[in-house]
PDB file of N, CA and C in Angstrom:
ATOM      1  N   MET A   1       9.831  -3.602 -47.381  1.00  0.00           N
ATOM      2  CA  MET A   1       9.391  -3.509 -46.065  1.00  0.00           C
ATOM      3  C   MET A   1       9.671  -4.955 -45.448  1.00  0.00           C
ATOM      4  N   THR A   2      10.217  -5.126 -44.364  1.00  0.00           N
ATOM      5  CA  THR A   2      10.563  -6.390 -43.738  1.00  0.00           C
ATOM      6  C   THR A   2       9.737  -6.573 -42.365  1.00  0.00           C
ATOM      7  N   ASP A   3       9.615  -7.916 -41.973  1.00  0.00           N
ATOM      8  CA  ASP A   3       9.024  -8.224 -40.754  1.00  0.00           C
ATOM      9  C   ASP A   3       9.943  -7.965 -39.432  1.00  0.00           C
ATOM     10  N   ASP A   4      11.261  -7.796 -39.716  1.00  0.00           N
ATOM     11  CA  ASP A   4      12.044  -7.968 -38.509  1.00  0.00           C
ATOM     12  C   ASP A   4      11.899  -6.629 -37.627  1.00  0.00           C
ATOM     13  N   PRO A   5      11.924  -6.900 -36.275  1.00  0.00           N
ATOM     14  CA  PRO A   5      11.781  -5.684 -35.479  1.00  0.00           C
ATOM     15  C   PRO A   5      13.124  -4.952 -35.582  1.00  0.00           C
ATOM     16  N   VAL A   6      12.919  -3.521 -35.371  1.00  0.00           N
ATOM     17  CA  VAL A   6      13.969  -2.612 -35.350  1.00  0.00           C
ATOM     18  C   VAL A   6      14.459  -2.587 -33.912  1.00  0.00           C
ATOM     19  N   ASN A   7      15.762  -2.596 -33.800  1.00  0.00           N
ATOM     20  CA  ASN A   7      16.604  -2.403 -32.430  1.00  0.00           C
ATOM     21  C   ASN A   7      16.660  -0.958 -31.988  1.00  0.00           C
ATOM     22  N   LEU A   8      15.568  -0.447 -31.407  1.00  0.00           N
ATOM     23  CA  LEU A   8      15.693   0.879 -31.107  1.00  0.00           C
ATOM     24  C   LEU A   8      16.997   1.194 -30.133  1.00  0.00           C
ATOM     25  N   ASP A   9      17.140   0.336 -29.281  1.00  0.00           N
ATOM     26  CA  ASP A   9      18.507   0.683 -28.194  1.00  0.00           C
ATOM     27  C   ASP A   9      19.688   1.057 -29.021  1.00  0.00           C
ATOM     28  N   ALA A  10      19.704   0.195 -30.186  1.00  0.00           N
ATOM     29  CA  ALA A  10      21.102   0.428 -30.992  1.00  0.00           C
ATOM     30  C   ALA A  10      21.145   1.930 -31.567  1.00  0.00           C
ATOM     31  N   ARG A  11      20.007   2.566 -31.688  1.00  0.00           N
ATOM     32  CA  ARG A  11      20.117   3.885 -32.338  1.00  0.00           C
ATOM     33  C   ARG A  11      20.013   4.838 -31.275  1.00  0.00           C
ATOM     34  N   ARG A  12      19.914   4.575 -30.018  1.00  0.00           N
ATOM     35  CA  ARG A  12      20.006   5.576 -28.929  1.00  0.00           C
ATOM     36  C   ARG A  12      21.558   5.874 -28.474  1.00  0.00           C
ATOM     37  N   SER A  13      21.771   7.016 -27.756  1.00  0.00           N
ATOM     38  CA  SER A  13      22.926   7.527 -27.373  1.00  0.00           C
ATOM     39  C   SER A  13      23.232   6.536 -26.084  1.00  0.00           C
ATOM     40  N   THR A  14      24.513   6.508 -25.609  1.00  0.00           N
ATOM     41  CA  THR A  14      24.846   5.887 -24.414  1.00  0.00           C
ATOM     42  C   THR A  14      24.034   6.315 -23.065  1.00  0.00           C
ATOM     43  N   GLU A  15      23.904   7.655 -23.241  1.00  0.00           N
ATOM     44  CA  GLU A  15      23.151   8.259 -22.097  1.00  0.00           C
ATOM     45  C   GLU A  15      21.807   7.854 -22.056  1.00  0.00           C
ATOM     46  N   SER A  16      21.211   7.869 -23.267  1.00  0.00           N
ATOM     47  CA  SER A  16      19.687   7.638 -23.332  1.00  0.00           C
ATOM     48  C   SER A  16      19.432   6.215 -23.152  1.00  0.00           C
ATOM     49  N   ARG A  17      20.297   5.233 -23.611  1.00  0.00           N
ATOM     50  CA  ARG A  17      20.317   3.650 -23.229  1.00  0.00           C
ATOM     51  C   ARG A  17      20.311   3.494 -21.652  1.00  0.00           C
ATOM     52  N   MET A  18      21.165   4.291 -21.001  1.00  0.00           N
ATOM     53  CA  MET A  18      21.422   4.172 -19.492  1.00  0.00           C
ATOM     54  C   MET A  18      20.045   4.635 -18.809  1.00  0.00           C
ATOM     55  N   ALA A  19      19.469   5.608 -19.247  1.00  0.00           N
ATOM     56  CA  ALA A  19      18.310   6.143 -18.760  1.00  0.00           C
ATOM     57  C   ALA A  19      17.153   5.242 -19.003  1.00  0.00           C
ATOM     58  N   THR A  20      17.232   4.633 -20.134  1.00  0.00           N
ATOM     59  CA  THR A  20      15.980   3.573 -20.404  1.00  0.00           C
ATOM     60  C   THR A  20      16.214   2.214 -19.570  1.00  0.00           C
ATOM     61  N   ASP A  21      17.459   1.928 -19.386  1.00  0.00           N
ATOM     62  CA  ASP A  21      17.797   0.735 -18.430  1.00  0.00           C
ATOM     63  C   ASP A  21      17.287   1.114 -17.087  1.00  0.00           C
ATOM     64  N   ILE A  22      17.490   2.242 -16.604  1.00  0.00           N
ATOM     65  CA  ILE A  22      17.253   2.690 -15.320  1.00  0.00           C
ATOM     66  C   ILE A  22      15.607   2.586 -15.028  1.00  0.00           C
ATOM     67  N   ARG A  23      15.098   3.062 -16.184  1.00  0.00           N
ATOM     68  CA  ARG A  23      13.631   3.168 -16.146  1.00  0.00           C
ATOM     69  C   ARG A  23      12.985   1.616 -16.175  1.00  0.00           C
ATOM     70  N   ARG A  24      13.539   0.824 -16.977  1.00  0.00           N
ATOM     71  CA  ARG A  24      13.184  -0.469 -16.928  1.00  0.00           C
ATOM     72  C   ARG A  24      13.407  -1.359 -15.732  1.00  0.00           C
ATOM     73  N   HIS A  25      14.441  -1.119 -15.061  1.00  0.00           N
ATOM     74  CA  HIS A  25      14.856  -1.820 -13.833  1.00  0.00           C
ATOM     75  C   HIS A  25      13.841  -1.191 -12.625  1.00  0.00           C
ATOM     76  N   SER A  26      13.684   0.162 -12.592  1.00  0.00           N
ATOM     77  CA  SER A  26      12.759   0.791 -11.719  1.00  0.00           C
ATOM     78  C   SER A  26      11.400   0.200 -11.673  1.00  0.00           C
ATOM     79  N   LEU A  27      10.838   0.074 -12.913  1.00  0.00           N
ATOM     80  CA  LEU A  27       9.656  -0.551 -13.184  1.00  0.00           C
ATOM     81  C   LEU A  27       9.522  -1.838 -12.628  1.00  0.00           C
ATOM     82  N   LYS A  28      10.475  -2.733 -12.887  1.00  0.00           N
ATOM     83  CA  LYS A  28      10.456  -4.076 -12.348  1.00  0.00           C
ATOM     84  C   LYS A  28      10.504  -4.246 -10.943  1.00  0.00           C
ATOM     85  N   ASP A  29      11.431  -3.110 -10.357  1.00  0.00           N
ATOM     86  CA  ASP A  29      11.290  -3.288  -8.780  1.00  0.00           C
ATOM     87  C   ASP A  29      10.127  -2.743  -8.129  1.00  0.00           C
ATOM     88  N   PHE A  30       9.547  -1.768  -8.812  1.00  0.00           N
ATOM     89  CA  PHE A  30       8.124  -1.115  -8.625  1.00  0.00           C
ATOM     90  C   PHE A  30       7.256  -2.295  -8.552  1.00  0.00           C
ATOM     91  N   GLU A  31       7.164  -3.198  -9.709  1.00  0.00           N
ATOM     92  CA  GLU A  31       6.261  -4.167  -9.800  1.00  0.00           C
ATOM     93  C   GLU A  31       6.535  -5.271  -8.722  1.00  0.00           C
ATOM     94  N   ALA A  32       7.658  -5.495  -8.509  1.00  0.00           N
ATOM     95  CA  ALA A  32       7.973  -6.466  -7.425  1.00  0.00           C
ATOM     96  C   ALA A  32       7.506  -6.034  -6.121  1.00  0.00           C
ATOM     97  N   ASP A  33       7.672  -4.915  -5.805  1.00  0.00           N
ATOM     98  CA  ASP A  33       7.231  -4.164  -4.374  1.00  0.00           C
ATOM     99  C   ASP A  33       5.651  -4.237  -4.417  1.00  0.00           C
ATOM    100  N   GLN A  34       4.988  -3.947  -5.499  1.00  0.00           N
ATOM    101  CA  GLN A  34       3.562  -3.912  -5.521  1.00  0.00           C
ATOM    102  C   GLN A  34       3.151  -5.320  -5.256  1.00  0.00           C
ATOM    103  N   TYR A  35       3.723  -6.328  -5.827  1.00  0.00           N
ATOM    104  CA  TYR A  35       3.153  -7.758  -5.774  1.00  0.00           C
ATOM    105  C   TYR A  35       3.430  -8.243  -4.346  1.00  0.00           C
ATOM    106  N   GLU A  36       4.621  -7.807  -3.632  1.00  0.00           N
ATOM    107  CA  GLU A  36       4.917  -8.135  -2.325  1.00  0.00           C
ATOM    108  C   GLU A  36       3.894  -7.435  -1.275  1.00  0.00           C
ATOM    109  N   LEU A  37       3.601  -6.265  -1.515  1.00  0.00           N
ATOM    110  CA  LEU A  37       2.599  -5.471  -0.874  1.00  0.00           C
ATOM    111  C   LEU A  37       1.296  -6.168  -0.858  1.00  0.00           C
ATOM    112  N   ARG A  38       0.878  -6.452  -2.165  1.00  0.00           N
ATOM    113  CA  ARG A  38      -0.459  -7.248  -2.255  1.00  0.00           C
ATOM    114  C   ARG A  38      -0.396  -8.596  -1.497  1.00  0.00           C
ATOM    115  N   ARG A  39       0.549  -9.353  -1.619  1.00  0.00           N
ATOM    116  CA  ARG A  39       0.680 -10.576  -0.870  1.00  0.00           C
ATOM    117  C   ARG A  39       0.622 -10.443   0.607  1.00  0.00           C
ATOM    118  N   ARG A  40       1.477  -9.448   1.316  1.00  0.00           N
ATOM    119  CA  ARG A  40       1.283  -9.329   2.650  1.00  0.00           C
ATOM    120  C   ARG A  40       0.004  -8.793   3.083  1.00  0.00           C
ATOM    121  N   GLN A  41      -0.713  -8.004   2.199  1.00  0.00           N
ATOM    122  CA  GLN A  41      -2.052  -7.430   2.663  1.00  0.00           C
ATOM    123  C   GLN A  41      -3.065  -8.763   2.651  1.00  0.00           C
ATOM    124  N   GLU A  42      -2.899  -9.619   1.524  1.00  0.00           N
ATOM    125  CA  GLU A  42      -3.916 -10.733   1.659  1.00  0.00           C
ATOM    126  C   GLU A  42      -3.528 -11.607   2.811  1.00  0.00           C
ATOM    127  N   GLU A  43      -2.324 -11.779   3.091  1.00  0.00           N
ATOM    128  CA  GLU A  43      -2.025 -12.387   4.369  1.00  0.00           C
ATOM    129  C   GLU A  43      -2.655 -11.906   5.648  1.00  0.00           C
ATOM    130  N   LEU A  44      -2.398 -10.547   5.968  1.00  0.00           N
ATOM    131  CA  LEU A  44      -2.811  -9.972   6.995  1.00  0.00           C
ATOM    132  C   LEU A  44      -4.392 -10.100   6.962  1.00  0.00           C
ATOM    133  N   GLU A  45      -5.145  -9.929   5.888  1.00  0.00           N
ATOM    134  CA  GLU A  45      -6.610  -9.881   5.832  1.00  0.00           C
ATOM    135  C   GLU A  45      -7.022 -11.266   6.015  1.00  0.00           C
ATOM    136  N   ALA A  46      -6.277 -12.278   5.553  1.00  0.00           N
ATOM    137  CA  ALA A  46      -6.620 -13.750   5.908  1.00  0.00           C
ATOM    138  C   ALA A  46      -6.668 -13.961   7.597  1.00  0.00           C
ATOM    139  N   GLN A  47      -5.543 -13.466   8.133  1.00  0.00           N
ATOM    140  CA  GLN A  47      -5.463 -13.518   9.678  1.00  0.00           C
ATOM    141  C   GLN A  47      -6.372 -12.739  10.374  1.00  0.00           C
ATOM    142  N   LEU A  48      -6.962 -11.479   9.856  1.00  0.00           N
ATOM    143  CA  LEU A  48      -7.959 -10.695  10.491  1.00  0.00           C
ATOM    144  C   LEU A  48      -9.405 -11.651  10.244  1.00  0.00           C
ATOM    145  N   LEU A  49      -9.507 -12.177   9.366  1.00  0.00           N
ATOM    146  CA  LEU A  49     -10.832 -12.990   9.084  1.00  0.00           C
ATOM    147  C   LEU A  49     -10.735 -14.225   9.720  1.00  0.00           C
ATOM    148  N   ALA A  50      -9.725 -14.785  10.164  1.00  0.00           N
ATOM    149  CA  ALA A  50      -9.507 -16.119  10.771  1.00  0.00           C
ATOM    150  C   ALA A  50     -10.458 -16.330  11.995  1.00  0.00           C
ATOM    151  N   GLU A  51     -10.548 -15.478  12.781  1.00  0.00           N
ATOM    152  CA  GLU A  51     -11.464 -15.566  13.861  1.00  0.00           C
ATOM    153  C   GLU A  51     -11.877 -13.972  14.516  1.00  0.00           C
ATOM    154  N   PRO A  52     -12.905 -14.105  15.109  1.00  0.00           N
ATOM    155  CA  PRO A  52     -13.384 -12.767  15.643  1.00  0.00           C
ATOM    156  C   PRO A  52     -12.631 -12.147  16.742  1.00  0.00           C
ATOM    157  N   ALA A  53     -12.656 -10.972  16.713  1.00  0.00           N
ATOM    158  CA  ALA A  53     -11.756 -10.183  17.906  1.00  0.00           C
ATOM    159  C   ALA A  53     -12.090 -10.685  19.231  1.00  0.00           C
ATOM    160  N   ALA A  54     -11.095 -10.745  20.021  1.00  0.00           N
ATOM    161  CA  ALA A  54     -11.281 -11.521  21.265  1.00  0.00           C
ATOM    162  C   ALA A  54     -11.728 -10.276  22.406  1.00  0.00           C
ATOM    163  N   ASN A  55     -11.270  -9.056  22.029  1.00  0.00           N
ATOM    164  CA  ASN A  55     -11.626  -7.837  22.794  1.00  0.00           C
ATOM    165  C   ASN A  55     -11.870  -6.646  21.985  1.00  0.00           C
ATOM    166  N   TRP A  56     -12.106  -5.573  22.655  1.00  0.00           N
ATOM    167  CA  TRP A  56     -12.461  -4.350  21.864  1.00  0.00           C
ATOM    168  C   TRP A  56     -11.142  -3.680  21.194  1.00  0.00           C
ATOM    169  N   GLN A  57     -10.057  -4.028  21.813  1.00  0.00           N
ATOM    170  CA  GLN A  57      -8.625  -3.492  21.245  1.00  0.00           C
ATOM    171  C   GLN A  57      -8.459  -4.149  19.997  1.00  0.00           C
ATOM    172  N   GLU A  58      -8.702  -5.516  19.835  1.00  0.00           N
ATOM    173  CA  GLU A  58      -8.422  -6.276  18.645  1.00  0.00           C
ATOM    174  C   GLU A  58      -9.421  -5.768  17.666  1.00  0.00           C
ATOM    175  N   ALA A  59     -10.658  -5.525  18.068  1.00  0.00           N
ATOM    176  CA  ALA A  59     -11.667  -4.871  17.123  1.00  0.00           C
ATOM    177  C   ALA A  59     -11.251  -3.549  16.556  1.00  0.00           C
ATOM    178  N   ALA A  60     -10.797  -2.688  17.569  1.00  0.00           N
ATOM    179  CA  ALA A  60     -10.369  -1.458  17.052  1.00  0.00           C
ATOM    180  C   ALA A  60      -9.126  -1.340  15.973  1.00  0.00           C
ATOM    181  N   MET A  61      -8.228  -2.402  16.358  1.00  0.00           N
ATOM    182  CA  MET A  61      -7.161  -2.420  15.374  1.00  0.00           C
ATOM    183  C   MET A  61      -7.566  -3.061  14.129  1.00  0.00           C
ATOM    184  N   LYS A  62      -8.541  -3.801  14.012  1.00  0.00           N
ATOM    185  CA  LYS A  62      -9.224  -4.042  12.805  1.00  0.00           C
ATOM    186  C   LYS A  62      -9.754  -2.908  12.016  1.00  0.00           C
ATOM    187  N   ALA A  63     -10.579  -2.240  12.940  1.00  0.00           N
ATOM    188  CA  ALA A  63     -11.336  -1.190  12.417  1.00  0.00           C
ATOM    189  C   ALA A  63     -10.106   0.023  11.777  1.00  0.00           C
ATOM    190  N   GLN A  64      -9.021   0.083  12.502  1.00  0.00           N
ATOM    191  CA  GLN A  64      -7.840   0.962  12.050  1.00  0.00           C
ATOM    192  C   GLN A  64      -7.442   0.540  10.571  1.00  0.00           C
ATOM    193  N   TYR A  65      -7.286  -0.633  10.430  1.00  0.00           N
ATOM    194  CA  TYR A  65      -6.815  -1.233   9.252  1.00  0.00           C
ATOM    195  C   TYR A  65      -7.802  -0.977   8.143  1.00  0.00           C
ATOM    196  N   LEU A  66      -9.129  -1.291   8.323  1.00  0.00           N
ATOM    197  CA  LEU A  66     -10.072  -1.015   7.317  1.00  0.00           C
ATOM    198  C   LEU A  66     -10.205   0.553   7.065  1.00  0.00           C
ATOM    199  N   ILE A  67      -9.980   1.443   8.067  1.00  0.00           N
ATOM    200  CA  ILE A  67     -10.038   2.949   7.735  1.00  0.00           C
ATOM    201  C   ILE A  67      -8.800   3.191   6.923  1.00  0.00           C
ATOM    202  N   ARG A  68      -7.759   2.742   7.195  1.00  0.00           N
ATOM    203  CA  ARG A  68      -6.437   3.067   6.393  1.00  0.00           C
ATOM    204  C   ARG A  68      -6.884   2.556   5.042  1.00  0.00           C
ATOM    205  N   ARG A  69      -7.343   1.256   4.729  1.00  0.00           N
ATOM    206  CA  ARG A  69      -7.506   0.959   3.363  1.00  0.00           C
ATOM    207  C   ARG A  69      -8.603   1.810   2.571  1.00  0.00           C
ATOM    208  N   TYR A  70      -9.606   2.288   3.355  1.00  0.00           N
ATOM    209  CA  TYR A  70     -10.578   3.121   2.759  1.00  0.00           C
ATOM    210  C   TYR A  70      -9.927   4.650   2.415  1.00  0.00           C
ATOM    211  N   SER A  71      -8.943   5.000   3.270  1.00  0.00           N
ATOM    212  CA  SER A  71      -8.371   6.310   2.978  1.00  0.00           C
ATOM    213  C   SER A  71      -7.514   6.281   1.851  1.00  0.00           C
ATOM    214  N   GLU A  72      -7.176   5.203   1.235  1.00  0.00           N
ATOM    215  CA  GLU A  72      -6.475   5.031   0.071  1.00  0.00           C
ATOM    216  C   GLU A  72      -7.381   5.142  -1.231  1.00  0.00           C
ATOM    217  N   THR A  73      -8.597   5.156  -1.010  1.00  0.00           N
ATOM    218  CA  THR A  73      -9.514   5.177  -2.093  1.00  0.00           C
ATOM    219  C   THR A  73      -9.706   6.523  -2.735  1.00  0.00           C
ATOM    220  N   PHE A  74     -10.287   6.421  -4.015  1.00  0.00           N
ATOM    221  CA  PHE A  74     -10.453   8.008  -4.544  1.00  0.00           C
ATOM    222  C   PHE A  74     -11.555   8.599  -3.829  1.00  0.00           C
ATOM    223  N   GLU A  75     -12.734   8.053  -3.473  1.00  0.00           N
ATOM    224  CA  GLU A  75     -13.657   8.481  -2.593  1.00  0.00           C
ATOM    225  C   GLU A  75     -13.354   9.242  -1.455  1.00  0.00           C
ATOM    226  N   ALA A  76     -12.253   8.660  -0.730  1.00  0.00           N
ATOM    227  CA  ALA A  76     -11.740   9.264   0.573  1.00  0.00           C
ATOM    228  C   ALA A  76     -10.875  10.414   0.236  1.00  0.00           C
ATOM    229  N   GLN A  77     -10.561  10.684  -0.801  1.00  0.00           N
ATOM    230  CA  GLN A  77      -9.635  11.865  -0.884  1.00  0.00           C
ATOM    231  C   GLN A  77      -9.984  13.302  -0.586  1.00  0.00           C
ATOM    232  N   ASP A  78     -11.260  13.402  -0.392  1.00  0.00           N
ATOM    233  CA  ASP A  78     -11.905  14.714  -0.145  1.00  0.00           C
ATOM    234  C   ASP A  78     -11.219  15.175   1.280  1.00  0.00           C
ATOM    235  N   ALA A  79     -10.887  16.459   1.290  1.00  0.00           N
ATOM    236  CA  ALA A  79     -10.199  17.036   2.507  1.00  0.00           C
ATOM    237  C   ALA A  79     -11.102  16.690   3.757  1.00  0.00           C
ATOM    238  N   ARG A  80     -12.248  16.910   3.619  1.00  0.00           N
ATOM    239  CA  ARG A  80     -13.040  16.642   4.901  1.00  0.00           C
ATOM    240  C   ARG A  80     -13.142  15.242   5.316  1.00  0.00           C
ATOM    241  N   ARG A  81     -13.166  14.365   4.374  1.00  0.00           N
ATOM    242  CA  ARG A  81     -13.052  12.988   4.744  1.00  0.00           C
ATOM    243  C   ARG A  81     -11.798  12.631   5.356  1.00  0.00           C
ATOM    244  N   GLN A  82     -10.726  13.196   4.835  1.00  0.00           N
ATOM    245  CA  GLN A  82      -9.186  12.794   5.349  1.00  0.00           C
ATOM    246  C   GLN A  82      -9.130  13.344   6.665  1.00  0.00           C
ATOM    247  N   LYS A  83      -9.765  14.460   6.896  1.00  0.00           N
ATOM    248  CA  LYS A  83      -9.619  15.015   8.459  1.00  0.00           C
ATOM    249  C   LYS A  83     -10.504  13.961   9.199  1.00  0.00           C
ATOM    250  N   LEU A  84     -11.734  13.620   8.899  1.00  0.00           N
ATOM    251  CA  LEU A  84     -12.423  12.540   9.661  1.00  0.00           C
ATOM    252  C   LEU A  84     -11.641  11.120   9.893  1.00  0.00           C
ATOM    253  N   ILE A  85     -11.045  10.785   8.699  1.00  0.00           N
ATOM    254  CA  ILE A  85     -10.209   9.781   8.892  1.00  0.00           C
ATOM    255  C   ILE A  85      -9.080   9.797   9.929  1.00  0.00           C
ATOM    256  N   GLN A  86      -8.406  10.828   9.881  1.00  0.00           N
ATOM    257  CA  GLN A  86      -7.150  11.009  10.624  1.00  0.00           C
ATOM    258  C   GLN A  86      -7.729  11.115  12.138  1.00  0.00           C
ATOM    259  N   ARG A  87      -8.936  11.900  12.228  1.00  0.00           N
ATOM    260  CA  ARG A  87      -9.316  11.995  13.614  1.00  0.00           C
ATOM    261  C   ARG A  87      -9.946  10.471  14.284  1.00  0.00           C
ATOM    262  N   ALA A  88     -10.526   9.892  13.356  1.00  0.00           N
ATOM    263  CA  ALA A  88     -11.085   8.411  13.969  1.00  0.00           C
ATOM    264  C   ALA A  88      -9.794   7.644  14.150  1.00  0.00           C
ATOM    265  N   LEU A  89      -8.822   7.658  13.519  1.00  0.00           N
ATOM    266  CA  LEU A  89      -7.463   7.020  13.623  1.00  0.00           C
ATOM    267  C   LEU A  89      -6.950   7.334  14.765  1.00  0.00           C
ATOM    268  N   GLY A  90      -6.941   8.557  15.057  1.00  0.00           N
ATOM    269  CA  GLY A  90      -6.214   9.102  16.293  1.00  0.00           C
ATOM    270  C   GLY A  90      -6.919   8.723  17.541  1.00  0.00           C
ATOM    271  N   ASP A  91      -8.359   8.834  17.397  1.00  0.00           N
ATOM    272  CA  ASP A  91      -9.092   8.313  18.623  1.00  0.00           C
ATOM    273  C   ASP A  91      -8.793   6.911  18.874  1.00  0.00           C
ATOM    274  N   LEU A  92      -8.848   6.147  17.891  1.00  0.00           N
ATOM    275  CA  LEU A  92      -8.619   4.647  18.076  1.00  0.00           C
ATOM    276  C   LEU A  92      -7.227   4.377  18.839  1.00  0.00           C
ATOM    277  N   ALA A  93      -6.406   5.095  18.324  1.00  0.00           N
ATOM    278  CA  ALA A  93      -5.042   4.859  18.894  1.00  0.00           C
ATOM    279  C   ALA A  93      -4.831   5.323  20.322  1.00  0.00           C
ATOM    280  N   ARG A  94      -5.583   6.335  20.518  1.00  0.00           N
ATOM    281  CA  ARG A  94      -5.475   7.031  21.740  1.00  0.00           C
ATOM    282  C   ARG A  94      -6.110   5.984  22.853  1.00  0.00           C
ATOM    283  N   LEU A  95      -7.388   5.525  22.493  1.00  0.00           N
ATOM    284  CA  LEU A  95      -8.142   4.536  23.257  1.00  0.00           C
ATOM    285  C   LEU A  95      -7.332   3.321  23.600  1.00  0.00           C
ATOM    286  N   ILE A  96      -6.677   2.808  22.393  1.00  0.00           N
ATOM    287  CA  ILE A  96      -5.967   1.598  22.595  1.00  0.00           C
ATOM    288  C   ILE A  96      -4.914   1.789  23.481  1.00  0.00           C
ATOM    289  N   GLU A  97      -4.012   2.992  23.354  1.00  0.00           N
ATOM    290  CA  GLU A  97      -3.042   3.126  24.201  1.00  0.00           C
ATOM    291  C   GLU A  97      -3.273   3.452  25.669  1.00  0.00           C
ATOM    292  N   ALA A  98      -4.390   3.977  25.998  1.00  0.00           N
ATOM    293  CA  ALA A  98      -4.964   4.353  27.253  1.00  0.00           C
ATOM    294  C   ALA A  98      -5.326   2.945  28.153  1.00  0.00           C
ATOM    295  N   GLU A  99      -5.698   2.066  27.355  1.00  0.00           N
ATOM    296  CA  GLU A  99      -6.093   0.823  27.906  1.00  0.00           C
ATOM    297  C   GLU A  99      -5.173  -0.397  28.083  1.00  0.00           C
ATOM    298  N   ALA A 100      -3.940  -0.029  27.339  1.00  0.00           N
ATOM    299  CA  ALA A 100      -2.905  -1.000  27.196  1.00  0.00           C
ATOM    300  C   ALA A 100      -2.407  -1.190  28.670  1.00  0.00           C
ATOM    301  N   PRO A 101      -2.017  -2.482  28.992  1.00  0.00           N
ATOM    302  CA  PRO A 101      -1.539  -2.875  30.210  1.00  0.00           C
ATOM    303  C   PRO A 101      -0.117  -2.270  30.480  1.00  0.00           C
ATOM    304  N   ASN A 102       0.079  -1.639  31.644  1.00  0.00           N
ATOM    305  CA  ASN A 102       1.395  -0.964  32.042  1.00  0.00           C
ATOM    306  C   ASN A 102       2.312  -1.963  32.572  1.00  0.00           C
ATOM    307  N   PRO A 103       3.426  -2.224  32.000  1.00  0.00           N
ATOM    308  CA  PRO A 103       4.408  -3.341  32.560  1.00  0.00           C
ATOM    309  C   PRO A 103       4.954  -2.941  34.050  1.00  0.00           C
TER     310      PRO A 103
END
């Protein structure tokens, strides 16, 4: 028995190696995308924390963000809660739109 690692790629068919390479690259792309998403979320949250909302529309937009983040949690996956989340987000969007200044 040796301590040398076995190169499994050399034992795979060309088709299998290509599939493995695709999975490896897909995983790297996925991880890079997840890292970028986390970085952007942290940046947005830092901006949201920087100062209090200047008006109710800004407060509503902060609430929308928090509701969307909550909707991604396991606890919020219940169908009834998803319906409540969608209704609340719809209400906030409608109220924001109704109060937006017309150019």
